N, C-alpha and C. Protein backbone atom coordinates (compact mmCIF):
# COMPACT_ATOMS: atom_id res chain seq x y z
N MET A 1 128.56 124.50 27.08
CA MET A 1 128.29 125.86 27.89
C MET A 1 128.10 127.20 26.81
N HIS A 2 126.50 127.65 27.23
CA HIS A 2 126.27 128.69 26.35
C HIS A 2 126.69 130.03 25.41
N ALA A 3 126.74 130.42 24.65
CA ALA A 3 127.39 131.90 24.10
C ALA A 3 126.19 132.55 25.24
N GLN A 4 127.06 133.65 25.59
CA GLN A 4 126.43 134.59 26.14
C GLN A 4 125.75 135.42 25.05
N SER A 5 124.88 136.17 25.69
CA SER A 5 123.75 137.53 24.74
C SER A 5 124.37 138.49 24.66
N ALA A 6 124.04 139.50 24.17
CA ALA A 6 124.52 140.81 23.49
C ALA A 6 124.07 141.24 24.59
N GLY A 7 122.92 141.64 25.05
CA GLY A 7 122.16 142.21 25.63
C GLY A 7 121.82 141.53 27.13
N ALA A 8 122.64 141.02 27.68
CA ALA A 8 122.14 140.09 28.87
C ALA A 8 122.48 140.94 29.95
N ILE A 9 121.81 140.82 30.89
CA ILE A 9 121.30 141.80 32.16
C ILE A 9 122.98 141.11 32.95
N PHE A 10 123.04 139.87 33.56
CA PHE A 10 123.94 139.51 34.26
C PHE A 10 124.98 138.75 32.89
N PRO A 11 125.90 139.71 32.94
CA PRO A 11 126.85 139.39 31.69
C PRO A 11 127.78 137.56 32.10
N ARG A 12 127.77 137.14 33.07
CA ARG A 12 128.32 135.65 33.43
C ARG A 12 127.27 134.69 33.47
N MET A 13 125.93 134.64 33.51
CA MET A 13 125.09 133.35 33.85
C MET A 13 124.36 134.03 31.88
N THR A 14 124.30 132.50 31.94
CA THR A 14 123.22 131.67 31.11
C THR A 14 121.76 132.42 30.87
N TYR A 15 121.86 132.79 29.38
CA TYR A 15 120.51 132.73 29.00
C TYR A 15 119.45 132.31 30.52
N GLU A 16 119.13 131.02 30.63
CA GLU A 16 118.32 130.42 31.11
C GLU A 16 118.43 130.74 32.71
N ALA A 17 119.29 131.08 32.65
CA ALA A 17 119.80 131.37 34.64
C ALA A 17 119.04 132.54 34.64
N GLN A 18 119.64 133.66 34.07
CA GLN A 18 118.89 134.61 34.30
C GLN A 18 117.12 134.66 33.80
N LYS A 19 117.26 133.63 32.75
CA LYS A 19 115.30 133.15 32.78
C LYS A 19 114.24 133.03 34.47
N ARG A 20 115.60 132.01 34.88
CA ARG A 20 115.20 131.69 36.10
C ARG A 20 114.62 132.47 37.25
N ILE A 21 115.70 133.41 37.69
CA ILE A 21 115.97 134.63 38.13
C ILE A 21 115.21 135.69 37.98
N ILE A 22 114.33 135.82 36.71
CA ILE A 22 113.45 137.09 36.62
C ILE A 22 111.83 136.16 36.93
N LEU A 23 111.83 134.61 36.34
CA LEU A 23 110.48 134.22 36.76
C LEU A 23 110.32 133.81 38.60
N ILE A 24 111.93 133.82 39.15
CA ILE A 24 111.55 133.58 40.93
C ILE A 24 111.63 135.18 41.24
N VAL A 25 111.58 136.43 41.10
CA VAL A 25 111.61 137.36 41.52
C VAL A 25 110.75 137.81 40.89
N LEU A 26 109.77 137.72 39.62
CA LEU A 26 108.07 137.88 39.89
C LEU A 26 107.12 137.14 40.36
N ALA A 27 107.31 135.51 41.00
CA ALA A 27 106.36 134.42 41.51
C ALA A 27 106.57 135.74 42.90
N LEU A 28 107.75 135.85 43.68
CA LEU A 28 107.75 136.46 44.96
C LEU A 28 107.13 137.56 45.04
N TYR A 29 107.34 138.12 44.01
CA TYR A 29 106.51 139.35 43.83
C TYR A 29 104.99 139.48 44.03
N PHE A 30 104.69 138.78 43.04
CA PHE A 30 102.87 138.21 42.84
C PHE A 30 102.96 137.20 44.90
N CYS A 31 103.36 136.88 45.34
CA CYS A 31 103.59 136.09 46.28
C CYS A 31 103.32 137.22 47.50
N ILE A 32 103.94 137.96 47.69
CA ILE A 32 103.81 138.62 49.06
C ILE A 32 102.43 139.25 48.76
N GLY A 33 102.57 140.14 47.20
CA GLY A 33 100.80 141.00 46.91
C GLY A 33 99.79 139.58 47.29
N LEU A 34 99.85 138.39 47.00
CA LEU A 34 98.72 137.98 47.40
C LEU A 34 98.59 137.57 49.07
N TYR A 35 99.99 137.69 49.80
CA TYR A 35 99.76 137.45 51.66
C TYR A 35 99.63 139.17 52.19
N ASP A 36 99.41 140.37 51.25
CA ASP A 36 99.93 141.27 52.28
C ASP A 36 97.66 140.75 51.53
N ASN A 37 97.98 141.42 50.61
CA ASN A 37 95.84 141.18 50.64
C ASN A 37 95.34 140.08 50.42
N TYR A 38 95.47 139.36 51.62
CA TYR A 38 94.75 138.17 52.23
C TYR A 38 95.03 138.83 53.79
N PHE A 39 96.80 138.48 54.29
CA PHE A 39 96.48 139.20 55.64
C PHE A 39 96.22 139.83 56.02
N TYR A 40 96.58 141.07 55.62
CA TYR A 40 95.67 142.78 55.69
C TYR A 40 95.11 143.58 54.89
N GLY A 41 94.59 142.54 54.43
CA GLY A 41 92.85 143.35 53.65
C GLY A 41 92.81 144.69 52.90
N ASN A 42 94.27 144.97 52.63
CA ASN A 42 93.94 146.30 51.62
C ASN A 42 96.20 145.99 50.93
N GLU A 43 95.44 146.99 49.58
CA GLU A 43 97.12 146.52 48.72
C GLU A 43 97.89 147.92 50.26
N ARG A 44 98.95 147.21 49.17
CA ARG A 44 100.23 148.39 50.24
C ARG A 44 101.44 148.39 48.99
N TYR A 45 101.63 149.88 49.06
CA TYR A 45 102.70 150.32 48.03
C TYR A 45 104.10 149.86 49.12
N PRO A 46 104.80 149.16 47.47
CA PRO A 46 105.26 149.17 46.46
C PRO A 46 104.52 147.98 46.09
N VAL A 47 103.90 146.96 46.67
CA VAL A 47 103.74 145.83 46.43
C VAL A 47 101.88 145.87 46.09
N PHE A 48 101.58 145.27 44.87
CA PHE A 48 100.40 145.29 44.53
C PHE A 48 99.79 146.68 44.46
N SER A 49 99.97 147.62 43.74
CA SER A 49 99.62 149.28 43.81
C SER A 49 98.68 149.35 42.58
N TRP A 50 97.83 148.45 42.35
CA TRP A 50 96.86 148.05 41.17
C TRP A 50 96.36 149.76 41.66
N SER A 51 95.11 149.61 42.89
CA SER A 51 94.27 150.41 43.18
C SER A 51 94.49 151.40 43.77
N LEU A 52 95.61 152.31 43.79
CA LEU A 52 96.29 153.10 44.52
C LEU A 52 95.18 154.02 44.27
N PHE A 53 94.66 154.64 42.95
CA PHE A 53 93.90 155.71 42.72
C PHE A 53 93.01 155.85 42.55
N SER A 54 92.20 154.90 42.90
CA SER A 54 90.86 154.30 43.46
C SER A 54 90.73 154.66 44.93
N THR A 55 91.38 154.26 45.40
CA THR A 55 91.59 154.12 46.62
C THR A 55 91.27 156.09 48.18
N ILE A 56 92.69 156.14 46.87
CA ILE A 56 92.02 158.09 47.37
C ILE A 56 91.35 158.74 46.53
N PRO A 57 90.53 160.20 47.47
CA PRO A 57 89.71 161.03 46.99
C PRO A 57 90.32 161.47 45.93
N ASN A 58 89.76 162.24 45.33
CA ASN A 58 90.61 163.77 44.53
C ASN A 58 89.36 164.54 44.98
N GLU A 59 89.39 165.17 45.27
CA GLU A 59 88.77 165.94 45.91
C GLU A 59 89.59 167.49 45.87
N LYS A 60 88.95 167.76 45.16
CA LYS A 60 90.56 169.35 45.00
C LYS A 60 89.18 170.77 45.74
N THR A 61 89.70 171.34 46.69
CA THR A 61 89.21 173.05 46.99
C THR A 61 89.64 173.89 46.31
N THR A 62 89.11 174.95 46.07
CA THR A 62 89.44 176.08 44.87
C THR A 62 88.40 177.12 45.83
N TYR A 63 87.90 177.87 44.76
CA TYR A 63 86.72 179.57 45.06
C TYR A 63 86.62 179.75 43.88
N THR A 64 85.27 180.64 43.91
CA THR A 64 84.70 180.75 42.69
C THR A 64 83.72 182.06 43.35
N VAL A 65 82.92 182.66 42.44
CA VAL A 65 82.28 183.59 42.65
C VAL A 65 80.79 183.23 42.11
N ALA A 66 79.91 183.62 43.01
CA ALA A 66 78.19 183.72 42.19
C ALA A 66 77.95 184.88 42.22
N ILE A 67 77.77 185.36 40.96
CA ILE A 67 76.69 186.69 40.74
C ILE A 67 75.62 187.28 41.05
N SER A 68 74.80 187.31 41.40
CA SER A 68 73.81 187.24 41.88
C SER A 68 72.51 189.34 41.09
N ARG A 69 73.60 189.97 41.03
CA ARG A 69 72.84 190.90 40.43
C ARG A 69 73.80 191.78 39.20
N LEU A 70 74.00 192.50 38.31
CA LEU A 70 74.83 192.80 37.78
C LEU A 70 73.99 193.90 36.71
N GLY A 71 74.14 195.15 37.49
CA GLY A 71 73.35 196.58 37.05
C GLY A 71 71.86 196.19 37.75
N VAL A 72 71.04 196.55 35.94
CA VAL A 72 69.43 195.94 36.62
C VAL A 72 68.56 194.83 35.93
N ASN A 73 70.17 193.95 36.33
CA ASN A 73 69.80 192.39 35.37
C ASN A 73 70.35 191.45 37.40
N THR A 74 69.13 190.89 37.46
CA THR A 74 69.77 190.13 38.62
C THR A 74 68.99 188.79 37.98
N TYR A 75 70.28 187.74 38.61
CA TYR A 75 70.35 185.88 38.42
C TYR A 75 69.38 185.20 39.25
N THR A 76 68.51 184.86 39.81
CA THR A 76 68.18 183.79 40.49
C THR A 76 67.81 182.54 39.77
N PRO A 77 68.83 181.42 39.85
CA PRO A 77 69.52 181.13 41.07
C PRO A 77 71.12 182.39 40.97
N ALA A 78 72.09 182.42 41.45
CA ALA A 78 73.42 183.44 41.73
C ALA A 78 73.96 182.79 39.96
N LEU A 79 74.22 183.42 39.03
CA LEU A 79 75.48 182.54 38.37
C LEU A 79 76.68 182.88 38.48
N ARG A 80 77.43 181.10 38.54
CA ARG A 80 78.22 180.84 39.24
C ARG A 80 79.58 181.59 37.69
N PHE A 81 80.56 181.64 38.22
CA PHE A 81 81.35 182.42 37.16
C PHE A 81 81.59 181.36 36.47
N ASP A 82 82.14 180.18 36.54
CA ASP A 82 82.47 179.30 35.32
C ASP A 82 80.51 179.04 34.21
N GLU A 83 79.61 179.96 34.58
CA GLU A 83 78.89 180.12 33.64
C GLU A 83 78.48 181.26 33.64
N SER A 84 79.14 181.74 33.44
CA SER A 84 79.07 183.69 33.43
C SER A 84 80.01 183.95 32.11
N ARG A 85 80.58 183.13 31.21
CA ARG A 85 80.81 183.27 30.27
C ARG A 85 80.41 184.95 28.99
N GLN A 86 79.11 184.16 28.87
CA GLN A 86 78.00 185.62 28.72
C GLN A 86 78.63 187.19 29.02
N LEU A 87 79.13 187.40 30.01
CA LEU A 87 79.11 188.31 30.64
C LEU A 87 80.40 188.83 30.48
N PHE A 88 81.42 187.44 30.42
CA PHE A 88 82.79 188.54 30.05
C PHE A 88 82.59 188.84 28.80
N GLU A 89 82.39 187.89 27.44
CA GLU A 89 82.13 188.22 26.09
C GLU A 89 81.01 189.70 26.04
N LEU A 90 80.67 190.18 26.95
CA LEU A 90 79.65 191.12 26.29
C LEU A 90 80.98 192.51 26.43
N LEU A 91 81.54 192.30 27.94
CA LEU A 91 82.95 193.14 27.62
C LEU A 91 84.07 192.89 26.91
N GLY A 92 84.13 192.25 26.42
CA GLY A 92 85.17 192.17 25.40
C GLY A 92 86.23 191.37 26.07
N GLN A 93 85.77 190.47 27.27
CA GLN A 93 87.02 189.53 27.53
C GLN A 93 87.26 188.31 28.62
N SER A 94 87.96 188.07 28.77
CA SER A 94 87.98 186.87 28.84
C SER A 94 87.87 185.97 30.51
N PRO A 95 87.11 185.45 30.88
CA PRO A 95 87.10 184.97 32.36
C PRO A 95 88.25 184.66 32.87
N THR A 96 89.03 183.75 32.17
CA THR A 96 89.92 183.31 32.56
C THR A 96 90.61 184.13 32.95
N GLN A 97 90.99 185.47 32.54
CA GLN A 97 92.70 186.32 33.37
C GLN A 97 91.45 186.68 35.19
N TYR A 98 90.26 186.24 35.48
CA TYR A 98 90.18 186.28 36.38
C TYR A 98 90.09 185.22 37.69
N THR A 99 90.65 184.39 37.34
CA THR A 99 90.41 182.63 37.76
C THR A 99 91.58 183.32 38.84
N PRO A 100 92.95 183.41 39.05
CA PRO A 100 94.11 183.52 40.04
C PRO A 100 92.95 184.85 41.12
N MET A 101 92.48 185.53 40.86
CA MET A 101 92.09 186.77 41.40
C MET A 101 91.26 186.10 42.71
N ILE A 102 90.20 185.65 41.70
CA ILE A 102 89.67 184.44 42.53
C ILE A 102 89.75 184.16 43.93
N GLU A 103 90.51 183.47 43.91
CA GLU A 103 91.66 182.56 44.05
C GLU A 103 92.38 182.89 44.99
N ASN A 104 92.97 183.86 44.96
CA ASN A 104 93.77 185.06 46.20
C ASN A 104 92.76 185.56 46.91
N MET A 105 91.00 186.26 46.60
CA MET A 105 90.66 187.01 47.43
C MET A 105 90.41 185.44 47.62
N GLY A 106 89.90 184.38 48.05
CA GLY A 106 89.14 183.43 48.60
C GLY A 106 90.09 182.91 50.28
N MET A 107 92.00 182.70 49.45
CA MET A 107 92.83 182.23 49.95
C MET A 107 93.07 183.51 50.75
N ALA A 108 92.97 184.85 51.02
CA ALA A 108 93.57 185.48 51.39
C ALA A 108 92.45 185.88 52.60
N LEU A 109 91.03 185.48 52.91
CA LEU A 109 90.16 185.42 53.52
C LEU A 109 90.31 184.37 54.03
N ASP A 110 90.43 183.80 54.13
CA ASP A 110 90.46 181.90 54.18
C ASP A 110 91.77 181.88 55.59
N ARG A 111 92.99 183.09 55.10
CA ARG A 111 93.71 182.97 55.82
C ARG A 111 94.02 184.48 57.24
N GLY A 112 93.15 184.99 57.00
CA GLY A 112 92.35 186.29 57.66
C GLY A 112 93.53 187.62 57.16
N ASP A 113 93.71 187.53 55.87
CA ASP A 113 95.19 189.00 55.27
C ASP A 113 94.25 189.50 54.63
N THR A 114 93.60 190.79 55.48
CA THR A 114 92.46 191.89 54.79
C THR A 114 93.31 192.84 53.56
N GLU A 115 94.39 193.71 53.94
CA GLU A 115 94.85 193.84 53.27
C GLU A 115 95.16 193.03 52.00
N ARG A 116 95.48 192.08 51.74
CA ARG A 116 96.16 191.16 50.60
C ARG A 116 93.80 190.85 49.94
N PHE A 117 92.95 190.65 50.36
CA PHE A 117 92.14 190.45 50.56
C PHE A 117 91.44 191.21 50.07
N THR A 118 91.31 192.52 50.78
CA THR A 118 91.37 194.25 50.20
C THR A 118 91.63 194.22 48.71
N ARG A 119 93.01 194.14 48.03
CA ARG A 119 93.50 194.07 46.44
C ARG A 119 93.39 193.39 46.21
N GLU A 120 93.22 192.21 46.21
CA GLU A 120 92.69 191.63 45.09
C GLU A 120 90.67 192.03 44.76
N LYS A 121 90.52 191.86 45.71
CA LYS A 121 89.17 192.36 45.54
C LYS A 121 88.52 193.52 44.63
N LYS A 122 90.03 194.41 44.86
CA LYS A 122 89.09 196.28 44.62
C LYS A 122 89.71 195.29 42.89
N ARG A 123 90.87 194.23 42.98
CA ARG A 123 91.04 194.15 41.24
C ARG A 123 90.27 193.44 40.47
N PHE A 124 89.60 192.58 41.25
CA PHE A 124 88.37 191.56 40.65
C PHE A 124 87.00 192.48 40.53
N GLU A 125 86.60 193.55 41.76
CA GLU A 125 86.21 194.56 41.04
C GLU A 125 85.79 195.18 40.06
N HIS A 126 87.42 195.83 39.58
CA HIS A 126 87.17 196.81 38.46
C HIS A 126 87.04 196.46 36.89
N MET A 127 86.54 194.67 37.05
CA MET A 127 86.34 194.71 35.62
C MET A 127 84.50 195.23 35.23
N PHE A 128 84.15 194.98 35.92
CA PHE A 128 82.73 195.24 35.59
C PHE A 128 82.47 197.04 36.05
N GLY A 129 83.76 197.53 35.53
CA GLY A 129 83.64 199.20 36.29
C GLY A 129 83.01 199.15 36.59
N ASN A 130 82.19 200.65 37.13
CA ASN A 130 81.40 201.65 37.55
C ASN A 130 79.95 201.02 38.33
N ALA A 131 80.08 200.30 37.32
CA ALA A 131 78.27 198.57 37.25
C ALA A 131 78.18 198.58 38.70
N ALA A 132 76.56 198.95 38.97
CA ALA A 132 76.78 197.48 40.73
C ALA A 132 76.62 196.32 40.10
N PHE A 133 77.23 195.94 41.32
CA PHE A 133 77.34 194.20 40.97
C PHE A 133 77.53 193.66 42.46
N THR A 134 76.72 192.23 42.65
CA THR A 134 77.01 191.96 43.98
C THR A 134 76.84 190.52 43.71
N TYR A 135 78.17 189.51 44.19
CA TYR A 135 78.84 188.47 44.50
C TYR A 135 78.66 187.62 45.95
N ASP A 136 78.42 186.65 45.61
CA ASP A 136 79.08 185.88 46.30
C ASP A 136 80.19 185.11 46.28
N LEU A 137 81.26 185.54 47.36
CA LEU A 137 82.55 184.66 47.45
C LEU A 137 82.36 183.08 47.63
N LEU A 138 82.55 182.00 46.98
CA LEU A 138 82.22 180.87 47.84
C LEU A 138 83.35 179.89 47.62
N ARG A 139 84.09 179.14 48.99
CA ARG A 139 84.70 178.26 48.97
C ARG A 139 83.92 176.25 48.26
N VAL A 140 84.70 175.70 47.10
CA VAL A 140 84.08 174.76 46.47
C VAL A 140 84.91 173.79 46.63
N ARG A 141 84.66 172.46 47.56
CA ARG A 141 84.92 171.26 47.07
C ARG A 141 84.06 170.27 46.49
N TYR A 142 85.20 169.76 45.40
CA TYR A 142 84.90 168.89 44.57
C TYR A 142 85.36 168.40 43.96
N ASP A 143 84.98 167.00 43.43
CA ASP A 143 85.31 166.04 42.99
C ASP A 143 85.74 166.38 41.15
N PRO A 144 86.85 166.46 40.34
CA PRO A 144 86.84 166.87 39.44
C PRO A 144 85.70 166.30 38.04
N LEU A 145 86.19 164.99 38.71
CA LEU A 145 85.77 163.74 37.57
C LEU A 145 84.00 164.21 37.46
N GLU A 146 83.28 163.98 38.82
CA GLU A 146 82.07 164.43 39.10
C GLU A 146 81.25 166.30 38.60
N TYR A 147 82.78 167.10 38.65
CA TYR A 147 81.93 168.01 38.27
C TYR A 147 81.73 167.81 36.61
N TRP A 148 82.76 167.66 36.16
CA TRP A 148 82.84 167.39 34.96
C TRP A 148 81.53 167.02 34.10
N GLN A 149 80.74 166.03 35.51
CA GLN A 149 79.91 164.79 34.43
C GLN A 149 78.55 165.45 35.31
N HIS A 150 78.71 166.37 36.49
CA HIS A 150 77.37 166.37 36.49
C HIS A 150 77.67 167.81 37.46
N GLN A 151 78.40 168.38 36.41
CA GLN A 151 78.52 169.95 37.23
C GLN A 151 77.75 170.37 38.80
N SER A 152 78.37 169.12 39.56
CA SER A 152 77.64 169.20 41.20
C SER A 152 79.20 169.52 42.16
N PHE A 153 78.67 169.83 43.06
CA PHE A 153 80.41 169.94 43.92
C PHE A 153 79.59 169.44 45.27
N ILE A 154 80.66 168.79 46.10
CA ILE A 154 80.32 167.44 47.31
C ILE A 154 79.92 169.04 48.49
N SER A 155 80.83 170.10 48.70
CA SER A 155 80.28 171.13 49.88
C SER A 155 80.85 172.43 49.09
N THR A 156 79.97 173.48 49.02
CA THR A 156 80.25 175.41 49.09
C THR A 156 79.73 175.27 50.23
N THR A 157 80.36 176.80 50.60
CA THR A 157 81.02 177.25 51.94
C THR A 157 81.06 179.17 51.33
N SER A 158 79.69 179.51 52.08
CA SER A 158 80.07 181.05 51.60
C SER A 158 80.76 181.59 52.21
N LEU A 159 81.69 182.64 51.81
CA LEU A 159 82.93 183.22 52.46
C LEU A 159 81.80 185.03 52.38
N GLY A 160 81.07 185.19 51.70
CA GLY A 160 80.87 186.81 52.20
C GLY A 160 79.73 187.08 51.01
N VAL A 161 79.05 187.85 50.79
CA VAL A 161 78.43 188.33 49.79
C VAL A 161 79.21 190.00 50.28
N PHE A 162 79.43 190.57 48.69
CA PHE A 162 80.02 191.52 48.55
C PHE A 162 79.07 192.85 47.30
N THR A 163 79.28 193.69 47.05
CA THR A 163 78.77 194.65 46.46
C THR A 163 79.19 195.45 46.11
N SER A 164 79.54 196.09 44.78
CA SER A 164 80.17 196.98 44.70
C SER A 164 79.32 197.71 43.36
N GLY A 165 80.62 199.38 43.14
CA GLY A 165 79.69 200.11 42.39
C GLY A 165 79.13 200.87 42.84
N LEU A 166 78.07 200.94 43.88
CA LEU A 166 76.62 201.33 44.24
C LEU A 166 76.77 203.06 44.59
């Protein structure tokens, strides 16, 4: 009879028996995964889910604005919010503080909550003070990796063009 090891999983079994059980469980897991892949043609969680994240689209939906006019300056094509850092630097502000306002405006407009939309729109438009500006509120769908590599969206939907400060 073999002596029991201090860290044994099954304290009354020998190390050799434990090793055999673990090898049998791993072999059974592998066979079930092959069976699922062969007969069902895909992977099923929790068995063989190695490609789980490669088969799930990583699409995100968010809101942004495209500024087409600010004061006497006209931007063609319109300057998207993520490209407008220099405008905020001129104002001595950070664009990140306006991201939640843009999100709230877009979500409120999508839900039909005109009261919240109007409130968020006023807060957002206040950033440029009394300067006249025109912007397009956009709902964008994108894959973060594709956007990071190519700055491209899957789809862009205009929710409306707004003018302020006239």
